[in-house]
Structures are given as C-alpha cells and as structure tokens.
Amino acid sequence: MTGRAGRTWRARVGIVNPSRGDVLMYEYYRAAPPGVIVVPTALNLKRLTAEELERVLASYEAAVADLAYEECDVIVLGGSPPVTFKGHGFERDLLARAQRQTSAPVVALVRCEVEALEAVGARRIAIGAPYTEELTEKFAAYFRAAGFEVVATRSLGIERPVEMAQLPPDASADVARALRREAPGADAIHLTCPRWPTLGKLADLERELGVPVTSSSQSVVYGTLRRLGIAEARPGFGSLLERLAGEPARA
C-alpha cells in the first residue's frame, strides 16, 4: 500500500496513546521512511493504576472513531498495560469493538510486540520495563500465555508515565545489559513501553550483547509498516526493522 491517489502522505498511521505518545512519535519518525505520518490521540493517563487503566480501556472505541474520521490507514491501540493487566486474550474483544469503528485495520501495540519477538525467532525472552514490578509481572504473564518462556524481568518501579518520558536513553540500555547478565540463556531481550527512549540504542545493544534486542516503539514501526505494505525503514535501528525488506505484507 502506498497511499491513496492524490494524497500528500504515503500513509497515515493513527495511534491511540493512553498517556501522551511523545517519545513514541519521536522514535517512529526516526525509523519510518519519508511520507509516513503519525496521527495521534491521547487519553490523558496520569498514573498506572487499576482505576486509570480501566478508564483508558473504556475510551479506546471513541478514540478509534476519531482516528477513523481522520482517514488513517492503520490504527494502533497503544499502551500494553491496559491490555496485559486484563490477561492474555482480552485484546480480542477490545479489538473487535474497536474495529467496528473503522474500516482500517486496527492492531493492539502488544500484538506488535508479540509479532516482533516472533520475527526475530525468540522463544526464551528477558523483559525490561520502566513500570512497577506488579505491572511488569502482568506483562510477563501475558507473554508466557502467548507461548514465550520468560527467563528474567527487570523493572524501574515508575508509576507516572511523564517520569518515564524523561528517562535518558541509557536507562533502557542499562536494563538490557543487566538482563543479559542475569539471563545469559535468553535468546532475545525486549524493552517494553513506548514512553521511555529505546530506539537509538537497539543496534548497538545487539552488537554488544549478541542477541536481538527489541522494543515497543520499534515493534509499532515494524507492525504498522508491514500492514501498510511498506517494506522499508531507515537503517540503524535494530535487526527487526532490517527484516522488513524480505518479509511479505501483513493483512
């Protein structure tokens, strides 16, 4: 897919961001090819509490309808915690309700993460997150149910998304290094959460640690470009995105 006739943009990617989406947008534009534009909406999540996550879940459908009006070509339900704290399989109902609002394909961010890990051949994974330990464990439980063996997790204990956005890129890189030391048998490391910076460190980490290192932001780029039939990304952002040119488009 290369955009509708007469349009300025090659593709329009709608993203429903539970909190703000600032870091995700920045990293998306770093990796995506020219002509792909992000159309964001935000649900004003302030803290990663059960009450706030429930409120966000109830707001997704209206947000998707808003992005459908904006004629997006693919729509991402951003935020893994709203889905993973409900457990594996919950996203099927959420996606079904969201899909009724638009003819464009809708995908959950957590599904993009699963696809990313599958693409790099990962089965035994180590997970790093800026979240609280409780939310990180729910994320790990989701991935176990999805068929992965989670051999280690590490979290920073942050509850406010705005604090995650202000972390330096070295924060996620240090977590990846610690996970590699803790779980040398892991065949991939995944840095979840698109609100902390990850993208610029992935290629260097892969060379240093000797295993694929994926992240939420990178997974969104990969998952949306595949669904758009765009088989390219800017170089230098990890082995996952280098795979795009050799893979078929995903419906």
C-alpha atoms as a PDB file:
ATOM      1  CA  MET A   1       0.000   0.000   0.000  1.00  0.00           C
ATOM      2  CA  THR A   2       1.445   3.371  -0.978  1.00  0.00           C
ATOM      3  CA  GLY A   3      -1.312   5.824  -0.143  1.00  0.00           C
ATOM      4  CA  ARG A   4      -4.492   6.865  -1.897  1.00  0.00           C
ATOM      5  CA  ALA A   5      -4.351   8.712  -5.187  1.00  0.00           C
ATOM      6  CA  GLY A   6      -3.958  12.455  -4.845  1.00  0.00           C
ATOM      7  CA  ARG A   7      -2.866  12.371  -1.211  1.00  0.00           C
ATOM      8  CA  THR A   8       0.200  14.154   0.086  1.00  0.00           C
ATOM      9  CA  TRP A   9       1.130  11.392   2.526  1.00  0.00           C
ATOM     10  CA  ARG A  10       2.272   7.908   1.660  1.00  0.00           C
ATOM     11  CA  ALA A  11       0.345   6.579   4.671  1.00  0.00           C
ATOM     12  CA  ARG A  12      -1.385   7.870   7.800  1.00  0.00           C
ATOM     13  CA  VAL A  13      -0.767   5.890  10.998  1.00  0.00           C
ATOM     14  CA  GLY A  14      -3.256   6.538  13.789  1.00  0.00           C
ATOM     15  CA  ILE A  15      -2.051   5.845  17.325  1.00  0.00           C
ATOM     16  CA  VAL A  16      -4.225   5.900  20.437  1.00  0.00           C
ATOM     17  CA  ASN A  17      -1.811   6.844  23.215  1.00  0.00           C
ATOM     18  CA  PRO A  18      -3.018   6.156  26.766  1.00  0.00           C
ATOM     19  CA  SER A  19      -0.802   8.895  28.186  1.00  0.00           C
ATOM     20  CA  ARG A  20       0.889  11.239  25.717  1.00  0.00           C
ATOM     21  CA  GLY A  21       2.800   9.482  22.944  1.00  0.00           C
ATOM     22  CA  ASP A  22       5.641  11.985  22.764  1.00  0.00           C
ATOM     23  CA  VAL A  23       8.556   9.543  22.809  1.00  0.00           C
ATOM     24  CA  LEU A  24       6.780   7.066  20.533  1.00  0.00           C
ATOM     25  CA  MET A  25       6.144   9.744  17.895  1.00  0.00           C
ATOM     26  CA  TYR A  26       9.747  10.934  18.062  1.00  0.00           C
ATOM     27  CA  GLU A  27      11.088   7.413  17.671  1.00  0.00           C
ATOM     28  CA  TYR A  28       8.565   6.499  14.970  1.00  0.00           C
ATOM     29  CA  TYR A  29       9.701   9.391  12.790  1.00  0.00           C
ATOM     30  CA  ARG A  30      13.344   8.463  13.321  1.00  0.00           C
ATOM     31  CA  ALA A  31      12.777   4.972  11.913  1.00  0.00           C
ATOM     32  CA  ALA A  32       9.909   5.245   9.416  1.00  0.00           C
ATOM     33  CA  PRO A  33      10.567   6.096   5.757  1.00  0.00           C
ATOM     34  CA  PRO A  34       9.613   9.507   4.343  1.00  0.00           C
ATOM     35  CA  GLY A  35       5.946  10.114   3.656  1.00  0.00           C
ATOM     36  CA  VAL A  36       4.528   8.172   6.613  1.00  0.00           C
ATOM     37  CA  ILE A  37       2.783  10.467   9.086  1.00  0.00           C
ATOM     38  CA  VAL A  38       1.576   9.721  12.619  1.00  0.00           C
ATOM     39  CA  VAL A  39      -1.901  10.935  13.573  1.00  0.00           C
ATOM     40  CA  PRO A  40      -2.031  10.766  17.384  1.00  0.00           C
ATOM     41  CA  THR A  41      -4.700  10.966  20.016  1.00  0.00           C
ATOM     42  CA  ALA A  42      -4.143  10.765  23.780  1.00  0.00           C
ATOM     43  CA  LEU A  43      -6.306   9.537  26.661  1.00  0.00           C
ATOM     44  CA  ASN A  44      -4.610  11.539  29.422  1.00  0.00           C
ATOM     45  CA  LEU A  45      -3.433   8.649  31.597  1.00  0.00           C
ATOM     46  CA  LYS A  46      -1.641  10.153  34.600  1.00  0.00           C
ATOM     47  CA  ARG A  47      -0.719   7.112  36.693  1.00  0.00           C
ATOM     48  CA  LEU A  48      -0.553   3.392  36.011  1.00  0.00           C
ATOM     49  CA  THR A  49      -3.243   2.411  38.489  1.00  0.00           C
ATOM     50  CA  ALA A  50      -6.073  -0.087  38.009  1.00  0.00           C
ATOM     51  CA  GLU A  51      -8.656   2.707  38.052  1.00  0.00           C
ATOM     52  CA  GLU A  52      -6.845   4.735  35.405  1.00  0.00           C
ATOM     53  CA  LEU A  53      -6.273   1.681  33.212  1.00  0.00           C
ATOM     54  CA  GLU A  54      -9.982   0.823  33.347  1.00  0.00           C
ATOM     55  CA  ARG A  55     -10.847   4.385  32.324  1.00  0.00           C
ATOM     56  CA  VAL A  56      -8.471   4.165  29.370  1.00  0.00           C
ATOM     57  CA  LEU A  57      -9.963   0.857  28.233  1.00  0.00           C
ATOM     58  CA  ALA A  58     -13.421   2.434  28.191  1.00  0.00           C
ATOM     59  CA  SER A  59     -12.113   5.274  25.992  1.00  0.00           C
ATOM     60  CA  TYR A  60     -10.482   3.315  23.166  1.00  0.00           C
ATOM     61  CA  GLU A  61     -13.555   2.995  20.937  1.00  0.00           C
ATOM     62  CA  ALA A  62     -14.262   6.730  20.836  1.00  0.00           C
ATOM     63  CA  ALA A  63     -10.584   7.394  20.135  1.00  0.00           C
ATOM     64  CA  VAL A  64     -10.611   4.940  17.223  1.00  0.00           C
ATOM     65  CA  ALA A  65     -13.737   6.598  15.817  1.00  0.00           C
ATOM     66  CA  ASP A  66     -11.900   9.929  15.975  1.00  0.00           C
ATOM     67  CA  LEU A  67      -8.940   8.491  14.054  1.00  0.00           C
ATOM     68  CA  ALA A  68     -11.299   6.888  11.534  1.00  0.00           C
ATOM     69  CA  TYR A  69     -12.628  10.382  10.797  1.00  0.00           C
ATOM     70  CA  GLU A  70      -9.004  11.410  10.166  1.00  0.00           C
ATOM     71  CA  GLU A  71      -8.835   8.719   7.433  1.00  0.00           C
ATOM     72  CA  CYS A  72      -5.962   6.768   8.937  1.00  0.00           C
ATOM     73  CA  ASP A  73      -4.745   3.743   7.006  1.00  0.00           C
ATOM     74  CA  VAL A  74      -3.927   1.691  10.104  1.00  0.00           C
ATOM     75  CA  ILE A  75      -4.699   2.332  13.776  1.00  0.00           C
ATOM     76  CA  VAL A  76      -2.706   1.179  16.808  1.00  0.00           C
ATOM     77  CA  LEU A  77      -4.270   0.755  20.236  1.00  0.00           C
ATOM     78  CA  GLY A  78      -1.249   1.995  22.130  1.00  0.00           C
ATOM     79  CA  GLY A  79      -0.257   1.024  25.622  1.00  0.00           C
ATOM     80  CA  SER A  80       0.478  -2.514  26.740  1.00  0.00           C
ATOM     81  CA  PRO A  81      -0.542  -2.183  30.440  1.00  0.00           C
ATOM     82  CA  PRO A  82      -4.267  -1.596  29.719  1.00  0.00           C
ATOM     83  CA  VAL A  83      -4.330  -4.917  27.844  1.00  0.00           C
ATOM     84  CA  THR A  84      -1.850  -7.040  29.766  1.00  0.00           C
ATOM     85  CA  PHE A  85      -3.291  -6.262  33.178  1.00  0.00           C
ATOM     86  CA  LYS A  86      -6.514  -7.902  31.932  1.00  0.00           C
ATOM     87  CA  GLY A  87      -4.695 -11.029  30.784  1.00  0.00           C
ATOM     88  CA  HIS A  88      -3.909 -12.824  27.538  1.00  0.00           C
ATOM     89  CA  GLY A  89      -6.818 -12.967  25.098  1.00  0.00           C
ATOM     90  CA  PHE A  90      -8.535  -9.822  26.370  1.00  0.00           C
ATOM     91  CA  GLU A  91      -7.329  -7.853  23.360  1.00  0.00           C
ATOM     92  CA  ARG A  92      -9.507  -9.927  21.014  1.00  0.00           C
ATOM     93  CA  ASP A  93     -12.689  -8.425  22.454  1.00  0.00           C
ATOM     94  CA  LEU A  94     -11.112  -4.974  22.641  1.00  0.00           C
ATOM     95  CA  LEU A  95     -10.033  -5.159  19.000  1.00  0.00           C
ATOM     96  CA  ALA A  96     -13.430  -6.420  17.867  1.00  0.00           C
ATOM     97  CA  ARG A  97     -15.130  -3.417  19.478  1.00  0.00           C
ATOM     98  CA  ALA A  98     -12.543  -1.007  18.106  1.00  0.00           C
ATOM     99  CA  GLN A  99     -12.690  -2.483  14.612  1.00  0.00           C
ATOM    100  CA  ARG A 100     -16.412  -1.699  14.403  1.00  0.00           C
ATOM    101  CA  GLN A 101     -15.466   1.988  14.393  1.00  0.00           C
ATOM    102  CA  THR A 102     -13.331   1.894  11.234  1.00  0.00           C
ATOM    103  CA  SER A 103     -12.625   0.055   8.005  1.00  0.00           C
ATOM    104  CA  ALA A 104      -8.866   0.490   8.540  1.00  0.00           C
ATOM    105  CA  PRO A 105      -7.019  -2.380  10.227  1.00  0.00           C
ATOM    106  CA  VAL A 106      -6.702  -1.973  13.998  1.00  0.00           C
ATOM    107  CA  VAL A 107      -3.901  -3.636  15.962  1.00  0.00           C
ATOM    108  CA  ALA A 108      -3.009  -3.622  19.646  1.00  0.00           C
ATOM    109  CA  LEU A 109       0.509  -2.479  20.496  1.00  0.00           C
ATOM    110  CA  VAL A 110       1.059  -5.653  22.495  1.00  0.00           C
ATOM    111  CA  ARG A 111       0.277  -7.682  19.358  1.00  0.00           C
ATOM    112  CA  CYS A 112       3.000  -5.754  17.526  1.00  0.00           C
ATOM    113  CA  GLU A 113       5.370  -6.738  20.334  1.00  0.00           C
ATOM    114  CA  VAL A 114       4.464 -10.423  20.003  1.00  0.00           C
ATOM    115  CA  GLU A 115       4.991 -10.262  16.235  1.00  0.00           C
ATOM    116  CA  ALA A 116       8.356  -8.553  16.703  1.00  0.00           C
ATOM    117  CA  LEU A 117       9.642 -11.272  19.013  1.00  0.00           C
ATOM    118  CA  GLU A 118       8.337 -13.978  16.693  1.00  0.00           C
ATOM    119  CA  ALA A 119      10.061 -12.289  13.750  1.00  0.00           C
ATOM    120  CA  VAL A 120      13.486 -12.424  15.419  1.00  0.00           C
ATOM    121  CA  GLY A 121      12.941 -16.074  16.339  1.00  0.00           C
ATOM    122  CA  ALA A 122      12.712 -15.527  20.089  1.00  0.00           C
ATOM    123  CA  ARG A 123      11.313 -18.176  22.424  1.00  0.00           C
ATOM    124  CA  ARG A 124      13.219 -17.553  25.683  1.00  0.00           C
ATOM    125  CA  ILE A 125      12.948 -13.847  26.430  1.00  0.00           C
ATOM    126  CA  ALA A 126      14.045 -11.373  29.075  1.00  0.00           C
ATOM    127  CA  ILE A 127      11.780  -8.368  29.625  1.00  0.00           C
ATOM    128  CA  GLY A 128      12.764  -4.898  30.784  1.00  0.00           C
ATOM    129  CA  ALA A 129      10.254  -2.172  31.655  1.00  0.00           C
ATOM    130  CA  PRO A 130      10.058   1.177  33.423  1.00  0.00           C
ATOM    131  CA  TYR A 131       6.799   0.040  35.082  1.00  0.00           C
ATOM    132  CA  THR A 132       6.158  -1.104  38.617  1.00  0.00           C
ATOM    133  CA  GLU A 133       7.119  -4.673  39.408  1.00  0.00           C
ATOM    134  CA  GLU A 134       3.438  -5.671  39.545  1.00  0.00           C
ATOM    135  CA  LEU A 135       2.670  -4.385  36.043  1.00  0.00           C
ATOM    136  CA  THR A 136       5.874  -5.860  34.655  1.00  0.00           C
ATOM    137  CA  GLU A 137       4.885  -9.266  36.012  1.00  0.00           C
ATOM    138  CA  LYS A 138       1.453  -8.967  34.374  1.00  0.00           C
ATOM    139  CA  PHE A 139       3.221  -8.196  31.108  1.00  0.00           C
ATOM    140  CA  ALA A 140       5.441 -11.253  31.602  1.00  0.00           C
ATOM    141  CA  ALA A 141       2.394 -13.425  32.354  1.00  0.00           C
ATOM    142  CA  TYR A 142       0.790 -12.256  29.115  1.00  0.00           C
ATOM    143  CA  PHE A 143       3.850 -13.293  27.129  1.00  0.00           C
ATOM    144  CA  ARG A 144       4.036 -16.656  28.839  1.00  0.00           C
ATOM    145  CA  ALA A 145       0.430 -17.250  27.790  1.00  0.00           C
ATOM    146  CA  ALA A 146       1.397 -16.188  24.254  1.00  0.00           C
ATOM    147  CA  GLY A 147       3.900 -19.045  24.118  1.00  0.00           C
ATOM    148  CA  PHE A 148       7.169 -17.463  25.246  1.00  0.00           C
ATOM    149  CA  GLU A 149       9.377 -18.578  28.103  1.00  0.00           C
ATOM    150  CA  VAL A 150      10.149 -15.511  30.209  1.00  0.00           C
ATOM    151  CA  VAL A 151      13.501 -16.175  31.862  1.00  0.00           C
ATOM    152  CA  ALA A 152      14.004 -12.802  33.576  1.00  0.00           C
ATOM    153  CA  THR A 153      12.326  -9.455  34.166  1.00  0.00           C
ATOM    154  CA  ARG A 154      13.609  -6.130  35.413  1.00  0.00           C
ATOM    155  CA  SER A 155      11.563  -3.023  36.220  1.00  0.00           C
ATOM    156  CA  LEU A 156      12.274   0.520  37.374  1.00  0.00           C
ATOM    157  CA  GLY A 157       9.183   0.899  39.571  1.00  0.00           C
ATOM    158  CA  ILE A 158       7.784   4.033  37.911  1.00  0.00           C
ATOM    159  CA  GLU A 159       4.033   4.708  38.070  1.00  0.00           C
ATOM    160  CA  ARG A 160       3.799   8.122  36.361  1.00  0.00           C
ATOM    161  CA  PRO A 161       4.261   7.994  32.556  1.00  0.00           C
ATOM    162  CA  VAL A 162       5.655  11.529  32.458  1.00  0.00           C
ATOM    163  CA  GLU A 163       8.624  10.316  34.514  1.00  0.00           C
ATOM    164  CA  MET A 164       9.254   7.528  32.006  1.00  0.00           C
ATOM    165  CA  ALA A 165       9.394  10.051  29.169  1.00  0.00           C
ATOM    166  CA  GLN A 166      12.159  11.956  30.936  1.00  0.00           C
ATOM    167  CA  LEU A 167      14.474   8.979  31.384  1.00  0.00           C
ATOM    168  CA  PRO A 168      17.757   9.135  29.444  1.00  0.00           C
ATOM    169  CA  PRO A 169      18.292   6.572  26.665  1.00  0.00           C
ATOM    170  CA  ASP A 170      20.940   4.895  28.809  1.00  0.00           C
ATOM    171  CA  ALA A 171      18.239   3.849  31.298  1.00  0.00           C
ATOM    172  CA  SER A 172      16.751   1.255  28.954  1.00  0.00           C
ATOM    173  CA  ALA A 173      20.210   0.227  27.732  1.00  0.00           C
ATOM    174  CA  ASP A 174      21.373  -0.390  31.303  1.00  0.00           C
ATOM    175  CA  VAL A 175      18.300  -2.543  31.934  1.00  0.00           C
ATOM    176  CA  ALA A 176      19.084  -4.587  28.815  1.00  0.00           C
ATOM    177  CA  ARG A 177      22.666  -5.138  29.965  1.00  0.00           C
ATOM    178  CA  ALA A 178      21.519  -6.197  33.428  1.00  0.00           C
ATOM    179  CA  LEU A 179      19.067  -8.672  31.914  1.00  0.00           C
ATOM    180  CA  ARG A 180      21.792 -10.173  29.745  1.00  0.00           C
ATOM    181  CA  ARG A 181      23.967 -10.724  32.815  1.00  0.00           C
ATOM    182  CA  GLU A 182      21.065 -12.191  34.768  1.00  0.00           C
ATOM    183  CA  ALA A 183      19.777 -14.426  31.970  1.00  0.00           C
ATOM    184  CA  PRO A 184      22.624 -15.335  29.604  1.00  0.00           C
ATOM    185  CA  GLY A 185      20.443 -18.081  28.116  1.00  0.00           C
ATOM    186  CA  ALA A 186      17.793 -15.673  26.822  1.00  0.00           C
ATOM    187  CA  ASP A 187      17.640 -15.613  23.033  1.00  0.00           C
ATOM    188  CA  ALA A 188      16.175 -12.074  22.925  1.00  0.00           C
ATOM    189  CA  ILE A 189      15.681  -9.062  25.180  1.00  0.00           C
ATOM    190  CA  HIS A 190      12.521  -6.991  24.914  1.00  0.00           C
ATOM    191  CA  LEU A 191      12.245  -3.448  26.289  1.00  0.00           C
ATOM    192  CA  THR A 192       8.554  -2.774  26.672  1.00  0.00           C
ATOM    193  CA  CYS A 193       6.812   0.622  26.971  1.00  0.00           C
ATOM    194  CA  PRO A 194       6.952   3.266  24.222  1.00  0.00           C
ATOM    195  CA  ARG A 195       7.197   6.109  26.744  1.00  0.00           C
ATOM    196  CA  TRP A 196      10.886   5.596  27.629  1.00  0.00           C
ATOM    197  CA  PRO A 197      13.578   6.104  24.971  1.00  0.00           C
ATOM    198  CA  THR A 198      14.868   2.850  23.459  1.00  0.00           C
ATOM    199  CA  LEU A 199      15.181   3.027  19.685  1.00  0.00           C
ATOM    200  CA  GLY A 200      18.546   4.724  19.326  1.00  0.00           C
ATOM    201  CA  LYS A 201      20.308   2.133  21.483  1.00  0.00           C
ATOM    202  CA  LEU A 202      18.975  -1.087  19.949  1.00  0.00           C
ATOM    203  CA  ALA A 203      21.519  -1.680  17.184  1.00  0.00           C
ATOM    204  CA  ASP A 204      24.479  -1.022  19.498  1.00  0.00           C
ATOM    205  CA  LEU A 205      22.980  -3.267  22.177  1.00  0.00           C
ATOM    206  CA  GLU A 206      22.552  -6.109  19.702  1.00  0.00           C
ATOM    207  CA  ARG A 207      26.212  -5.879  18.720  1.00  0.00           C
ATOM    208  CA  GLU A 208      27.294  -5.659  22.354  1.00  0.00           C
ATOM    209  CA  LEU A 209      25.051  -8.371  23.812  1.00  0.00           C
ATOM    210  CA  GLY A 210      24.950 -10.772  20.882  1.00  0.00           C
ATOM    211  CA  VAL A 211      21.157 -11.281  20.831  1.00  0.00           C
ATOM    212  CA  PRO A 212      18.201  -9.462  19.256  1.00  0.00           C
ATOM    213  CA  VAL A 213      17.007  -6.515  21.332  1.00  0.00           C
ATOM    214  CA  THR A 214      13.508  -5.278  20.524  1.00  0.00           C
ATOM    215  CA  SER A 215      11.330  -2.532  21.973  1.00  0.00           C
ATOM    216  CA  SER A 216       7.748  -1.299  21.947  1.00  0.00           C
ATOM    217  CA  SER A 217       8.415   1.706  19.708  1.00  0.00           C
ATOM    218  CA  GLN A 218      10.389  -0.404  17.250  1.00  0.00           C
ATOM    219  CA  SER A 219       7.603  -3.016  17.288  1.00  0.00           C
ATOM    220  CA  VAL A 220       4.990  -0.388  16.386  1.00  0.00           C
ATOM    221  CA  VAL A 221       7.070   0.758  13.414  1.00  0.00           C
ATOM    222  CA  TYR A 222       7.510  -2.842  12.296  1.00  0.00           C
ATOM    223  CA  GLY A 223       3.874  -3.841  12.784  1.00  0.00           C
ATOM    224  CA  THR A 224       2.357  -0.814  11.075  1.00  0.00           C
ATOM    225  CA  LEU A 225       4.713  -0.733   8.092  1.00  0.00           C
ATOM    226  CA  ARG A 226       4.052  -4.427   7.441  1.00  0.00           C
ATOM    227  CA  ARG A 227       0.308  -3.809   7.498  1.00  0.00           C
ATOM    228  CA  LEU A 228       0.759  -0.882   5.126  1.00  0.00           C
ATOM    229  CA  GLY A 229       2.832  -2.969   2.724  1.00  0.00           C
ATOM    230  CA  ILE A 230       5.823  -0.642   3.128  1.00  0.00           C
ATOM    231  CA  ALA A 231       8.891  -2.865   3.072  1.00  0.00           C
ATOM    232  CA  GLU A 232      11.476  -0.371   4.246  1.00  0.00           C
ATOM    233  CA  ALA A 233      12.644   1.570   7.281  1.00  0.00           C
ATOM    234  CA  ARG A 234      15.542   3.891   7.945  1.00  0.00           C
ATOM    235  CA  PRO A 235      18.725   1.929   8.735  1.00  0.00           C
ATOM    236  CA  GLY A 236      20.418   1.758  12.113  1.00  0.00           C
ATOM    237  CA  PHE A 237      17.531   0.861  14.414  1.00  0.00           C
ATOM    238  CA  GLY A 238      17.965  -2.831  15.013  1.00  0.00           C
ATOM    239  CA  SER A 239      17.754  -6.147  13.218  1.00  0.00           C
ATOM    240  CA  LEU A 240      13.955  -6.315  13.451  1.00  0.00           C
ATOM    241  CA  LEU A 241      13.462  -3.382  11.084  1.00  0.00           C
ATOM    242  CA  GLU A 242      16.131  -4.709   8.736  1.00  0.00           C
ATOM    243  CA  ARG A 243      13.835  -7.692   8.140  1.00  0.00           C
ATOM    244  CA  LEU A 244      11.089  -5.603   6.550  1.00  0.00           C
ATOM    245  CA  ALA A 245      12.505  -5.726   3.032  1.00  0.00           C
ATOM    246  CA  GLY A 246      12.426  -9.521   2.960  1.00  0.00           C
ATOM    247  CA  GLU A 247       9.003 -10.107   4.506  1.00  0.00           C
ATOM    248  CA  PRO A 248       5.536 -10.193   2.946  1.00  0.00           C
ATOM    249  CA  ALA A 249       2.984  -7.557   3.879  1.00  0.00           C
ATOM    250  CA  ARG A 250       0.607  -8.466   6.691  1.00  0.00           C
ATOM    251  CA  ALA A 251      -3.145  -8.020   6.353  1.00  0.00           C
END
